[in-house]
């Protein structure tokens, strides 16, 4: 008689363990993808901020490299609330 090969049956525990591992790995992958997307959006926001600050820096460097202009000094002083001696400053308080 020919010997019949019996199919080895695997138990429920290894299948359950494999299923739990697959679900865990999928959860980790999804979680990491969400973090990556959030960090990419943060990076783009920071890139915009860097561009803005670079433009401000260029403007300030241009002001520093230019000769001191009396009109510029007067305008900046007035914007900070200073006035020349014996100068009258009128402020419109009517709200219009």
PDB file of N, CA and C in Angstrom:
ATOM      1  N   UNK A   1       0.818  -1.175   0.000  1.00  0.00           N
ATOM      2  CA  UNK A   1       0.000   0.000   0.000  1.00  0.00           C
ATOM      3  C   UNK A   1       0.863   1.240   0.000  1.00  0.00           C
ATOM      4  N   UNK A   2       0.397   2.117  -0.765  1.00  0.00           N
ATOM      5  CA  UNK A   2       1.136   3.372  -0.853  1.00  0.00           C
ATOM      6  C   UNK A   2       0.836   4.203   0.381  1.00  0.00           C
ATOM      7  N   UNK A   3       1.875   4.795   0.864  1.00  0.00           N
ATOM      8  CA  UNK A   3       1.706   5.627   2.054  1.00  0.00           C
ATOM      9  C   UNK A   3       1.102   6.965   1.648  1.00  0.00           C
ATOM     10  N   UNK A   4       0.074   7.332   2.340  1.00  0.00           N
ATOM     11  CA  UNK A   4      -0.570   8.624   2.066  1.00  0.00           C
ATOM     12  C   UNK A   4       0.141   9.699   2.886  1.00  0.00           C
ATOM     13  N   UNK A   5       0.432  10.792   2.172  1.00  0.00           N
ATOM     14  CA  UNK A   5       1.026  11.908   2.899  1.00  0.00           C
ATOM     15  C   UNK A   5      -0.098  12.722   3.523  1.00  0.00           C
ATOM     16  N   UNK A   6       0.089  12.927   4.771  1.00  0.00           N
ATOM     17  CA  UNK A   6      -0.918  13.721   5.476  1.00  0.00           C
ATOM     18  C   UNK A   6      -0.534  15.192   5.414  1.00  0.00           C
ATOM     19  N   UNK A   7      -1.509  15.995   5.178  1.00  0.00           N
ATOM     20  CA  UNK A   7      -1.290  17.434   5.151  1.00  0.00           C
ATOM     21  C   UNK A   7      -1.190  17.914   6.597  1.00  0.00           C
ATOM     22  N   UNK A   8      -0.116  18.626   6.858  1.00  0.00           N
ATOM     23  CA  UNK A   8       0.084  19.116   8.214  1.00  0.00           C
ATOM     24  C   UNK A   8      -0.810  20.323   8.435  1.00  0.00           C
ATOM     25  N   UNK A   9      -1.569  20.274   9.465  1.00  0.00           N
ATOM     26  CA  UNK A   9      -2.473  21.372   9.755  1.00  0.00           C
ATOM     27  C   UNK A   9      -1.805  22.350  10.697  1.00  0.00           C
ATOM     28  N   UNK A  10      -1.958  23.617  10.365  1.00  0.00           N
ATOM     29  CA  UNK A  10      -1.422  24.634  11.272  1.00  0.00           C
ATOM     30  C   UNK A  10      -2.537  25.053  12.208  1.00  0.00           C
ATOM     31  N   UNK A  11      -2.140  25.383  13.375  1.00  0.00           N
ATOM     32  CA  UNK A  11      -3.114  25.751  14.389  1.00  0.00           C
ATOM     33  C   UNK A  11      -3.643  27.174  14.192  1.00  0.00           C
ATOM     34  N   UNK A  12      -4.579  27.500  15.021  1.00  0.00           N
ATOM     35  CA  UNK A  12      -5.212  28.813  14.974  1.00  0.00           C
ATOM     36  C   UNK A  12      -4.266  29.894  15.502  1.00  0.00           C
ATOM     37  N   UNK A  13      -3.424  29.562  16.461  1.00  0.00           N
ATOM     38  CA  UNK A  13      -2.541  30.561  17.083  1.00  0.00           C
ATOM     39  C   UNK A  13      -1.561  31.171  16.088  1.00  0.00           C
ATOM     40  N   UNK A  14      -0.841  30.440  15.256  1.00  0.00           N
ATOM     41  CA  UNK A  14       0.068  31.083  14.296  1.00  0.00           C
ATOM     42  C   UNK A  14      -0.667  31.986  13.296  1.00  0.00           C
ATOM     43  N   UNK A  15      -1.868  31.573  12.866  1.00  0.00           N
ATOM     44  CA  UNK A  15      -2.638  32.410  11.949  1.00  0.00           C
ATOM     45  C   UNK A  15      -3.065  33.709  12.634  1.00  0.00           C
ATOM     46  N   UNK A  16      -3.497  33.599  13.877  1.00  0.00           N
ATOM     47  CA  UNK A  16      -3.903  34.773  14.633  1.00  0.00           C
ATOM     48  C   UNK A  16      -2.716  35.697  14.871  1.00  0.00           C
ATOM     49  N   UNK A  17      -1.575  35.124  15.183  1.00  0.00           N
ATOM     50  CA  UNK A  17      -0.363  35.910  15.402  1.00  0.00           C
ATOM     51  C   UNK A  17       0.050  36.637  14.129  1.00  0.00           C
ATOM     52  N   UNK A  18      -0.031  35.987  12.995  1.00  0.00           N
ATOM     53  CA  UNK A  18       0.286  36.610  11.715  1.00  0.00           C
ATOM     54  C   UNK A  18      -0.694  37.738  11.403  1.00  0.00           C
ATOM     55  N   UNK A  19      -1.974  37.534  11.656  1.00  0.00           N
ATOM     56  CA  UNK A  19      -2.988  38.565  11.416  1.00  0.00           C
ATOM     57  C   UNK A  19      -2.735  39.795  12.282  1.00  0.00           C
ATOM     58  N   UNK A  20      -2.413  39.585  13.546  1.00  0.00           N
ATOM     59  CA  UNK A  20      -2.130  40.703  14.451  1.00  0.00           C
ATOM     60  C   UNK A  20      -0.905  41.469  13.973  1.00  0.00           C
ATOM     61  N   UNK A  21       0.109  40.758  13.538  1.00  0.00           N
ATOM     62  CA  UNK A  21       1.316  41.420  13.041  1.00  0.00           C
ATOM     63  C   UNK A  21       1.029  42.255  11.800  1.00  0.00           C
ATOM     64  N   UNK A  22       0.248  41.720  10.880  1.00  0.00           N
ATOM     65  CA  UNK A  22      -0.089  42.451   9.650  1.00  0.00           C
ATOM     66  C   UNK A  22      -0.894  43.708   9.977  1.00  0.00           C
ATOM     67  N   UNK A  23      -1.857  43.601  10.884  1.00  0.00           N
ATOM     68  CA  UNK A  23      -2.658  44.766  11.284  1.00  0.00           C
ATOM     69  C   UNK A  23      -1.763  45.804  11.974  1.00  0.00           C
ATOM     70  N   UNK A  24      -0.871  45.372  12.830  1.00  0.00           N
ATOM     71  CA  UNK A  24       0.052  46.275  13.521  1.00  0.00           C
ATOM     72  C   UNK A  24       0.957  46.997  12.519  1.00  0.00           C
ATOM     73  N   UNK A  25       1.515  46.258  11.571  1.00  0.00           N
ATOM     74  CA  UNK A  25       2.400  46.857  10.565  1.00  0.00           C
ATOM     75  C   UNK A  25       1.638  47.858   9.702  1.00  0.00           C
ATOM     76  N   UNK A  26       0.411  47.545   9.335  1.00  0.00           N
ATOM     77  CA  UNK A  26      -0.398  48.479   8.542  1.00  0.00           C
ATOM     78  C   UNK A  26      -0.692  49.748   9.344  1.00  0.00           C
ATOM     79  N   UNK A  27      -0.973  49.599  10.609  1.00  0.00           N
ATOM     80  CA  UNK A  27      -1.216  50.765  11.472  1.00  0.00           C
ATOM     81  C   UNK A  27       0.005  51.655  11.584  1.00  0.00           C
ATOM     82  N   UNK A  28       1.167  51.056  11.724  1.00  0.00           N
ATOM     83  CA  UNK A  28       2.413  51.823  11.804  1.00  0.00           C
ATOM     84  C   UNK A  28       2.662  52.558  10.491  1.00  0.00           C
ATOM     85  N   UNK A  29       2.442  51.901   9.365  1.00  0.00           N
ATOM     86  CA  UNK A  29       2.650  52.542   8.064  1.00  0.00           C
ATOM     87  C   UNK A  29       1.710  53.733   7.870  1.00  0.00           C
ATOM     88  N   UNK A  30       0.456  53.564   8.238  1.00  0.00           N
ATOM     89  CA  UNK A  30      -0.512  54.661   8.106  1.00  0.00           C
ATOM     90  C   UNK A  30      -0.137  55.817   9.029  1.00  0.00           C
ATOM     91  N   UNK A  31       0.246  55.506  10.244  1.00  0.00           N
ATOM     92  CA  UNK A  31       0.643  56.531  11.203  1.00  0.00           C
ATOM     93  C   UNK A  31       1.860  57.316  10.701  1.00  0.00           C
ATOM     94  N   UNK A  32       2.834  56.610  10.168  1.00  0.00           N
ATOM     95  CA  UNK A  32       4.034  57.278   9.647  1.00  0.00           C
ATOM     96  C   UNK A  32       3.710  58.144   8.441  1.00  0.00           C
ATOM     97  N   UNK A  33       2.795  57.691   7.588  1.00  0.00           N
ATOM     98  CA  UNK A  33       2.422  58.485   6.424  1.00  0.00           C
ATOM     99  C   UNK A  33       1.727  59.780   6.847  1.00  0.00           C
ATOM    100  N   UNK A  34       0.900  59.722   7.872  1.00  0.00           N
ATOM    101  CA  UNK A  34       0.244  60.924   8.388  1.00  0.00           C
ATOM    102  C   UNK A  34       1.278  61.894   8.935  1.00  0.00           C
ATOM    103  N   UNK A  35       2.262  61.381   9.679  1.00  0.00           N
ATOM    104  CA  UNK A  35       3.326  62.239  10.207  1.00  0.00           C
ATOM    105  C   UNK A  35       4.134  62.873   9.086  1.00  0.00           C
ATOM    106  N   UNK A  36       4.432  62.113   8.056  1.00  0.00           N
ATOM    107  CA  UNK A  36       5.205  62.633   6.923  1.00  0.00           C
ATOM    108  C   UNK A  36       4.442  63.763   6.241  1.00  0.00           C
ATOM    109  N   UNK A  37       3.145  63.584   6.012  1.00  0.00           N
ATOM    110  CA  UNK A  37       2.340  64.628   5.375  1.00  0.00           C
ATOM    111  C   UNK A  37       2.304  65.898   6.218  1.00  0.00           C
ATOM    112  N   UNK A  38       2.175  65.741   7.541  1.00  0.00           N
ATOM    113  CA  UNK A  38       2.148  66.903   8.427  1.00  0.00           C
ATOM    114  C   UNK A  38       3.488  67.626   8.398  1.00  0.00           C
ATOM    115  N   UNK A  39       4.575  66.884   8.424  1.00  0.00           N
ATOM    116  CA  UNK A  39       5.897  67.501   8.412  1.00  0.00           C
ATOM    117  C   UNK A  39       6.188  68.178   7.076  1.00  0.00           C
ATOM    118  N   UNK A  40       5.689  67.617   5.981  1.00  0.00           N
ATOM    119  CA  UNK A  40       5.872  68.267   4.680  1.00  0.00           C
ATOM    120  C   UNK A  40       5.123  69.584   4.614  1.00  0.00           C
ATOM    121  N   UNK A  41       3.928  69.646   5.192  1.00  0.00           N
ATOM    122  CA  UNK A  41       3.197  70.914   5.198  1.00  0.00           C
ATOM    123  C   UNK A  41       3.895  71.932   6.098  1.00  0.00           C
ATOM    124  N   UNK A  42       4.453  71.477   7.226  1.00  0.00           N
ATOM    125  CA  UNK A  42       5.224  72.374   8.087  1.00  0.00           C
ATOM    126  C   UNK A  42       6.448  72.899   7.351  1.00  0.00           C
ATOM    127  N   UNK A  43       7.080  72.047   6.572  1.00  0.00           N
ATOM    128  CA  UNK A  43       8.269  72.447   5.818  1.00  0.00           C
ATOM    129  C   UNK A  43       7.928  73.512   4.786  1.00  0.00           C
ATOM    130  N   UNK A  44       6.807  73.354   4.097  1.00  0.00           N
ATOM    131  CA  UNK A  44       6.432  74.355   3.099  1.00  0.00           C
ATOM    132  C   UNK A  44       6.095  75.686   3.770  1.00  0.00           C
ATOM    133  N   UNK A  45       5.464  75.654   4.936  1.00  0.00           N
ATOM    134  CA  UNK A  45       5.170  76.889   5.660  1.00  0.00           C
ATOM    135  C   UNK A  45       6.459  77.570   6.102  1.00  0.00           C
ATOM    136  N   UNK A  46       7.422  76.783   6.555  1.00  0.00           N
ATOM    137  CA  UNK A  46       8.702  77.354   6.972  1.00  0.00           C
ATOM    138  C   UNK A  46       9.488  77.894   5.791  1.00  0.00           C
ATOM    139  N   UNK A  47       9.375  77.256   4.624  1.00  0.00           N
ATOM    140  CA  UNK A  47      10.031  77.774   3.426  1.00  0.00           C
ATOM    141  C   UNK A  47       9.485  79.143   3.049  1.00  0.00           C
ATOM    142  N   UNK A  48       8.164  79.319   3.172  1.00  0.00           N
ATOM    143  CA  UNK A  48       7.561  80.621   2.896  1.00  0.00           C
ATOM    144  C   UNK A  48       8.054  81.668   3.890  1.00  0.00           C
ATOM    145  N   UNK A  49       8.164  81.287   5.153  1.00  0.00           N
ATOM    146  CA  UNK A  49       8.657  82.200   6.180  1.00  0.00           C
ATOM    147  C   UNK A  49      10.105  82.592   5.904  1.00  0.00           C
ATOM    148  N   UNK A  50      10.911  81.637   5.478  1.00  0.00           N
ATOM    149  CA  UNK A  50      12.307  81.922   5.155  1.00  0.00           C
ATOM    150  C   UNK A  50      12.392  82.906   3.990  1.00  0.00           C
ATOM    151  N   UNK A  51      11.553  82.728   2.983  1.00  0.00           N
ATOM    152  CA  UNK A  51      11.561  83.636   1.835  1.00  0.00           C
ATOM    153  C   UNK A  51      11.184  85.051   2.267  1.00  0.00           C
ATOM    154  N   UNK A  52      10.170  85.170   3.118  1.00  0.00           N
ATOM    155  CA  UNK A  52       9.742  86.482   3.608  1.00  0.00           C
ATOM    156  C   UNK A  52      10.853  87.154   4.405  1.00  0.00           C
ATOM    157  N   UNK A  53      11.460  86.395   5.296  1.00  0.00           N
ATOM    158  CA  UNK A  53      12.528  86.962   6.122  1.00  0.00           C
ATOM    159  C   UNK A  53      13.753  87.316   5.285  1.00  0.00           C
ATOM    160  N   UNK A  54      14.013  86.568   4.235  1.00  0.00           N
ATOM    161  CA  UNK A  54      15.140  86.886   3.354  1.00  0.00           C
ATOM    162  C   UNK A  54      14.909  88.218   2.640  1.00  0.00           C
ATOM    163  N   UNK A  55      13.654  88.453   2.222  1.00  0.00           N
ATOM    164  CA  UNK A  55      13.346  89.732   1.580  1.00  0.00           C
ATOM    165  C   UNK A  55      13.499  90.890   2.567  1.00  0.00           C
ATOM    166  N   UNK A  56      13.047  90.696   3.811  1.00  0.00           N
ATOM    167  CA  UNK A  56      13.212  91.729   4.829  1.00  0.00           C
ATOM    168  C   UNK A  56      14.687  92.006   5.080  1.00  0.00           C
ATOM    169  N   UNK A  57      15.480  90.948   5.124  1.00  0.00           N
ATOM    170  CA  UNK A  57      16.917  91.098   5.359  1.00  0.00           C
ATOM    171  C   UNK A  57      17.560  91.871   4.219  1.00  0.00           C
ATOM    172  N   UNK A  58      17.170  91.572   2.989  1.00  0.00           N
ATOM    173  CA  UNK A  58      17.726  92.281   1.836  1.00  0.00           C
ATOM    174  C   UNK A  58      17.374  93.765   1.885  1.00  0.00           C
ATOM    175  N   UNK A  59      16.143  94.077   2.291  1.00  0.00           N
ATOM    176  CA  UNK A  59      15.746  95.473   2.405  1.00  0.00           C
ATOM    177  C   UNK A  59      16.561  96.186   3.477  1.00  0.00           C
ATOM    178  N   UNK A  60      16.749  95.534   4.620  1.00  0.00           N
ATOM    179  CA  UNK A  60      17.532  96.142   5.696  1.00  0.00           C
ATOM    180  C   UNK A  60      18.993  96.314   5.290  1.00  0.00           C
ATOM    181  N   UNK A  61      19.549  95.354   4.571  1.00  0.00           N
ATOM    182  CA  UNK A  61      20.930  95.488   4.110  1.00  0.00           C
ATOM    183  C   UNK A  61      21.064  96.632   3.120  1.00  0.00           C
ATOM    184  N   UNK A  62      20.040  96.820   2.288  1.00  0.00           N
ATOM    185  CA  UNK A  62      20.054  97.928   1.342  1.00  0.00           C
ATOM    186  C   UNK A  62      20.018  99.268   2.090  1.00  0.00           C
ATOM    187  N   UNK A  63      19.210  99.338   3.130  1.00  0.00           N
ATOM    188  CA  UNK A  63      19.138 100.566   3.935  1.00  0.00           C
ATOM    189  C   UNK A  63      20.468 100.823   4.621  1.00  0.00           C
ATOM    190  N   UNK A  64      21.089  99.784   5.149  1.00  0.00           N
ATOM    191  CA  UNK A  64      22.376  99.955   5.840  1.00  0.00           C
ATOM    192  C   UNK A  64      23.492 100.353   4.883  1.00  0.00           C
ATOM    193  N   UNK A  65      23.439  99.848   3.674  1.00  0.00           N
ATOM    194  CA  UNK A  65      24.521 100.153   2.735  1.00  0.00           C
ATOM    195  C   UNK A  65      24.345 101.530   2.090  1.00  0.00           C
ATOM    196  N   UNK A  66      23.137 102.076   2.122  1.00  0.00           N
ATOM    197  CA  UNK A  66      22.896 103.390   1.522  1.00  0.00           C
ATOM    198  C   UNK A  66      23.427 104.484   2.444  1.00  0.00           C
ATOM    199  N   UNK A  67      23.685 105.631   1.834  1.00  0.00           N
ATOM    200  CA  UNK A  67      24.125 106.766   2.636  1.00  0.00           C
ATOM    201  C   UNK A  67      22.969 107.243   3.495  1.00  0.00           C
ATOM    202  N   UNK A  68      23.301 107.853   4.616  1.00  0.00           N
ATOM    203  CA  UNK A  68      22.272 108.340   5.525  1.00  0.00           C
ATOM    204  C   UNK A  68      21.613 109.551   4.880  1.00  0.00           C
ATOM    205  N   UNK A  69      20.318 109.468   4.703  1.00  0.00           N
ATOM    206  CA  UNK A  69      19.538 110.516   4.065  1.00  0.00           C
ATOM    207  C   UNK A  69      18.718 111.221   5.142  1.00  0.00           C
ATOM    208  N   UNK A  70      18.759 112.551   5.154  1.00  0.00           N
ATOM    209  CA  UNK A  70      18.026 113.298   6.175  1.00  0.00           C
ATOM    210  C   UNK A  70      16.523 113.070   6.081  1.00  0.00           C
ATOM    211  N   UNK A  71      16.010 112.927   4.875  1.00  0.00           N
ATOM    212  CA  UNK A  71      14.578 112.684   4.724  1.00  0.00           C
ATOM    213  C   UNK A  71      14.185 111.338   5.336  1.00  0.00           C
ATOM    214  N   UNK A  72      15.018 110.334   5.140  1.00  0.00           N
ATOM    215  CA  UNK A  72      14.736 109.014   5.710  1.00  0.00           C
ATOM    216  C   UNK A  72      14.761 109.078   7.231  1.00  0.00           C
ATOM    217  N   UNK A  73      15.749 109.763   7.788  1.00  0.00           N
ATOM    218  CA  UNK A  73      15.864 109.867   9.247  1.00  0.00           C
ATOM    219  C   UNK A  73      14.652 110.604   9.808  1.00  0.00           C
ATOM    220  N   UNK A  74      14.245 111.678   9.145  1.00  0.00           N
ATOM    221  CA  UNK A  74      13.075 112.438   9.595  1.00  0.00           C
ATOM    222  C   UNK A  74      11.814 111.591   9.546  1.00  0.00           C
ATOM    223  N   UNK A  75      11.637 110.849   8.458  1.00  0.00           N
ATOM    224  CA  UNK A  75      10.446 110.014   8.309  1.00  0.00           C
ATOM    225  C   UNK A  75      10.399 108.926   9.394  1.00  0.00           C
ATOM    226  N   UNK A  76      11.515 108.284   9.653  1.00  0.00           N
ATOM    227  CA  UNK A  76      11.547 107.242  10.684  1.00  0.00           C
ATOM    228  C   UNK A  76      11.319 107.821  12.073  1.00  0.00           C
ATOM    229  N   UNK A  77      11.866 108.979  12.346  1.00  0.00           N
ATOM    230  CA  UNK A  77      11.667 109.610  13.654  1.00  0.00           C
ATOM    231  C   UNK A  77      10.202 109.970  13.853  1.00  0.00           C
ATOM    232  N   UNK A  78       9.568 110.508  12.815  1.00  0.00           N
ATOM    233  CA  UNK A  78       8.160 110.865  12.931  1.00  0.00           C
ATOM    234  C   UNK A  78       7.294 109.621  13.097  1.00  0.00           C
ATOM    235  N   UNK A  79       7.651 108.524  12.447  1.00  0.00           N
ATOM    236  CA  UNK A  79       6.862 107.301  12.581  1.00  0.00           C
ATOM    237  C   UNK A  79       6.960 106.715  13.983  1.00  0.00           C
ATOM    238  N   UNK A  80       8.027 107.058  14.710  1.00  0.00           N
ATOM    239  CA  UNK A  80       8.190 106.567  16.081  1.00  0.00           C
ATOM    240  C   UNK A  80       7.705 107.572  17.118  1.00  0.00           C
ATOM    241  N   UNK A  81       7.119 108.685  16.640  1.00  0.00           N
ATOM    242  CA  UNK A  81       6.514 109.631  17.576  1.00  0.00           C
ATOM    243  C   UNK A  81       7.397 110.800  17.953  1.00  0.00           C
ATOM    244  N   UNK A  82       8.540 110.959  17.361  1.00  0.00           N
ATOM    245  CA  UNK A  82       9.419 112.084  17.662  1.00  0.00           C
ATOM    246  C   UNK A  82       9.018 113.287  16.826  1.00  0.00           C
ATOM    247  N   UNK A  83       9.370 114.476  17.317  1.00  0.00           N
ATOM    248  CA  UNK A  83       9.092 115.707  16.589  1.00  0.00           C
ATOM    249  C   UNK A  83      10.290 116.635  16.737  1.00  0.00           C
ATOM    250  N   UNK A  84      10.421 117.528  15.777  1.00  0.00           N
ATOM    251  CA  UNK A  84      11.509 118.512  15.828  1.00  0.00           C
ATOM    252  C   UNK A  84      11.180 119.554  16.897  1.00  0.00           C
ATOM    253  N   UNK A  85      12.182 120.237  17.407  1.00  0.00           N
ATOM    254  CA  UNK A  85      11.908 121.290  18.398  1.00  0.00           C
ATOM    255  C   UNK A  85      10.969 122.345  17.800  1.00  0.00           C
ATOM    256  N   UNK A  86      10.018 122.796  18.597  1.00  0.00           N
ATOM    257  CA  UNK A  86       9.032 123.809  18.225  1.00  0.00           C
ATOM    258  C   UNK A  86       8.147 123.361  17.061  1.00  0.00           C
ATOM    259  N   UNK A  87       8.033 122.065  16.815  1.00  0.00           N
ATOM    260  CA  UNK A  87       7.166 121.565  15.753  1.00  0.00           C
ATOM    261  C   UNK A  87       5.824 121.210  16.369  1.00  0.00           C
ATOM    262  N   UNK A  88       4.759 121.604  15.697  1.00  0.00           N
ATOM    263  CA  UNK A  88       3.429 121.273  16.163  1.00  0.00           C
ATOM    264  C   UNK A  88       2.952 120.045  15.397  1.00  0.00           C
ATOM    265  N   UNK A  89       2.468 119.062  16.137  1.00  0.00           N
ATOM    266  CA  UNK A  89       1.955 117.841  15.522  1.00  0.00           C
ATOM    267  C   UNK A  89       0.469 117.788  15.803  1.00  0.00           C
ATOM    268  N   UNK A  90      -0.327 117.720  14.766  1.00  0.00           N
ATOM    269  CA  UNK A  90      -1.772 117.654  14.902  1.00  0.00           C
ATOM    270  C   UNK A  90      -2.210 116.213  14.630  1.00  0.00           C
ATOM    271  N   UNK A  91      -3.038 115.706  15.533  1.00  0.00           N
ATOM    272  CA  UNK A  91      -3.529 114.335  15.415  1.00  0.00           C
ATOM    273  C   UNK A  91      -5.034 114.384  15.211  1.00  0.00           C
ATOM    274  N   UNK A  92      -5.505 113.708  14.186  1.00  0.00           N
ATOM    275  CA  UNK A  92      -6.934 113.667  13.886  1.00  0.00           C
ATOM    276  C   UNK A  92      -7.583 112.633  14.799  1.00  0.00           C
ATOM    277  N   UNK A  93      -8.411 113.105  15.747  1.00  0.00           N
ATOM    278  CA  UNK A  93      -9.069 112.205  16.692  1.00  0.00           C
ATOM    279  C   UNK A  93     -10.546 112.034  16.364  1.00  0.00           C
ATOM    280  N   UNK A  94     -10.966 112.550  15.221  1.00  0.00           N
ATOM    281  CA  UNK A  94     -12.381 112.456  14.880  1.00  0.00           C
ATOM    282  C   UNK A  94     -12.764 111.046  14.450  1.00  0.00           C
ATOM    283  N   UNK A  95     -11.774 110.229  14.098  1.00  0.00           N
ATOM    284  CA  UNK A  95     -12.050 108.849  13.726  1.00  0.00           C
ATOM    285  C   UNK A  95     -12.384 108.677  12.270  1.00  0.00           C
ATOM    286  N   UNK A  96     -12.232 109.697  11.478  1.00  0.00           N
ATOM    287  CA  UNK A  96     -12.545 109.559  10.048  1.00  0.00           C
ATOM    288  C   UNK A  96     -11.307 109.617   9.213  1.00  0.00           C
TER     289      UNK A  96
END
